[in-house]
Amino acid sequence: MSEDSTPTLTEEIVQDALRKVKDPEAGINIVDLGLIYDVAIDQAKVDVKMTLTSPGCPAGPQIMGDTDEAVRALDGVGELRRWQREVVGDAAILAAVAGTAPQKPK
């Protein structure tokens, strides 16, 4: 913890915040759905590499807005950059719904 007792910003803190963001169509948070590929932190700058479930995803603007809101609400975030990758596809969504989506090692 820093001198002002604010927790140091970590990948785990950002991932926990992102777990509060749900894909409204799938009803699953974007971390467990596999939409978050990486979180990198350099002091107050947070980079989030993510994707959406399909090209032209109708919920895309909501998911991106909710992602921004969740991360920017964290203490210590000065700058947020999102990097969007290719879409995950139906197989990944079905695996997440079934609870068999691959999890990022901790």
Protein backbone atom coordinates (compact mmCIF):
# COMPACT_ATOMS: atom_id res chain seq x y z
CA MET A 1 0.00 0.00 0.00
CA SER A 2 1.11 3.55 -0.61
CA GLU A 3 1.58 6.17 2.08
CA ASP A 4 -2.01 7.41 1.76
CA SER A 5 -3.26 3.83 2.32
CA THR A 6 -4.63 3.59 -1.22
CA PRO A 7 -4.00 0.06 -2.53
CA THR A 8 -1.37 -0.18 -5.23
CA LEU A 9 -3.06 -0.67 -8.58
CA THR A 10 -2.54 -4.27 -9.73
CA GLU A 11 -3.71 -6.48 -12.58
CA GLU A 12 -5.83 -8.42 -10.08
CA ILE A 13 -7.63 -5.25 -8.94
CA VAL A 14 -8.35 -4.28 -12.56
CA GLN A 15 -9.52 -7.84 -13.42
CA ASP A 16 -11.85 -7.79 -10.39
CA ALA A 17 -13.33 -4.49 -11.58
CA LEU A 18 -13.79 -5.92 -15.09
CA ARG A 19 -15.65 -8.93 -13.65
CA LYS A 20 -18.45 -6.49 -12.81
CA VAL A 21 -18.92 -5.77 -16.53
CA LYS A 22 -21.31 -8.24 -18.15
CA ASP A 23 -22.02 -8.94 -21.76
CA PRO A 24 -25.77 -8.18 -21.78
CA GLU A 25 -26.47 -10.82 -24.44
CA ALA A 26 -24.54 -13.68 -22.79
CA GLY A 27 -25.16 -12.65 -19.17
CA ILE A 28 -21.54 -13.48 -18.28
CA ASN A 29 -18.83 -11.09 -17.15
CA ILE A 30 -16.31 -10.12 -19.80
CA VAL A 31 -13.34 -11.69 -17.98
CA ASP A 32 -14.90 -15.15 -17.64
CA LEU A 33 -16.29 -14.85 -21.16
CA GLY A 34 -12.71 -14.54 -22.43
CA LEU A 35 -13.03 -11.02 -23.82
CA ILE A 36 -10.08 -9.70 -21.80
CA TYR A 37 -6.71 -10.82 -23.17
CA ASP A 38 -4.33 -8.77 -21.08
CA VAL A 39 -4.11 -6.01 -18.51
CA ALA A 40 -0.88 -4.04 -18.22
CA ILE A 41 -0.19 -1.33 -15.68
CA ASP A 42 2.56 1.27 -15.81
CA GLN A 43 2.11 3.53 -12.79
CA ALA A 44 -1.23 5.29 -13.43
CA LYS A 45 -1.58 4.10 -17.04
CA VAL A 46 -3.73 1.01 -17.62
CA ASP A 47 -3.79 -0.85 -20.94
CA VAL A 48 -6.60 -3.34 -21.48
CA LYS A 49 -6.45 -5.68 -24.47
CA MET A 50 -9.90 -7.01 -25.19
CA THR A 51 -12.32 -8.09 -27.87
CA LEU A 52 -16.05 -8.40 -28.45
CA THR A 53 -18.13 -11.50 -29.08
CA SER A 54 -18.85 -10.77 -32.75
CA PRO A 55 -18.06 -8.27 -35.50
CA GLY A 56 -20.52 -5.41 -35.23
CA CYS A 57 -21.59 -6.63 -31.79
CA PRO A 58 -24.76 -4.68 -30.96
CA ALA A 59 -23.74 -4.56 -27.29
CA GLY A 60 -20.22 -3.35 -28.18
CA PRO A 61 -20.71 0.31 -27.26
CA GLN A 62 -22.29 -0.66 -23.92
CA ILE A 63 -19.52 -3.16 -23.11
CA MET A 64 -16.78 -0.66 -24.01
CA GLY A 65 -18.48 2.10 -22.00
CA ASP A 66 -18.97 -0.17 -18.99
CA THR A 67 -15.32 -1.27 -19.28
CA ASP A 68 -14.14 2.34 -19.26
CA GLU A 69 -16.37 3.18 -16.31
CA ALA A 70 -15.25 0.17 -14.24
CA VAL A 71 -11.54 0.81 -14.74
CA ARG A 72 -11.65 4.60 -14.42
CA ALA A 73 -13.50 4.23 -11.09
CA LEU A 74 -10.44 2.56 -9.55
CA ASP A 75 -8.13 4.62 -7.37
CA GLY A 76 -4.84 5.31 -9.08
CA VAL A 77 -6.01 5.14 -12.71
CA GLY A 78 -4.87 8.20 -14.60
CA GLU A 79 -5.04 6.97 -18.19
CA LEU A 80 -6.91 4.05 -19.75
CA ARG A 81 -6.16 2.65 -23.17
CA ARG A 82 -8.24 -0.14 -24.67
CA TRP A 83 -6.91 -2.27 -27.48
CA GLN A 84 -9.50 -4.24 -29.40
CA ARG A 85 -8.57 -7.56 -30.97
CA GLU A 86 -10.47 -9.92 -33.24
CA VAL A 87 -13.75 -11.35 -31.98
CA VAL A 88 -13.85 -14.53 -29.89
CA GLY A 89 -16.55 -16.36 -31.85
CA ASP A 90 -19.45 -18.59 -30.97
CA ALA A 91 -17.39 -21.57 -29.74
CA ALA A 92 -15.77 -19.46 -27.02
CA ILE A 93 -19.13 -18.05 -25.95
CA LEU A 94 -20.66 -21.52 -25.73
CA ALA A 95 -17.67 -22.76 -23.72
CA ALA A 96 -18.04 -19.85 -21.28
CA VAL A 97 -21.76 -20.48 -20.88
CA ALA A 98 -21.03 -24.18 -20.25
CA GLY A 99 -18.32 -23.25 -17.74
CA THR A 100 -15.55 -24.82 -19.80
CA ALA A 101 -13.87 -21.67 -21.09
CA PRO A 102 -10.12 -21.70 -20.58
CA GLN A 103 -9.08 -19.55 -17.64
CA LYS A 104 -5.97 -17.41 -17.58
CA PRO A 105 -3.49 -18.85 -15.07
CA LYS A 106 -3.15 -16.81 -11.88
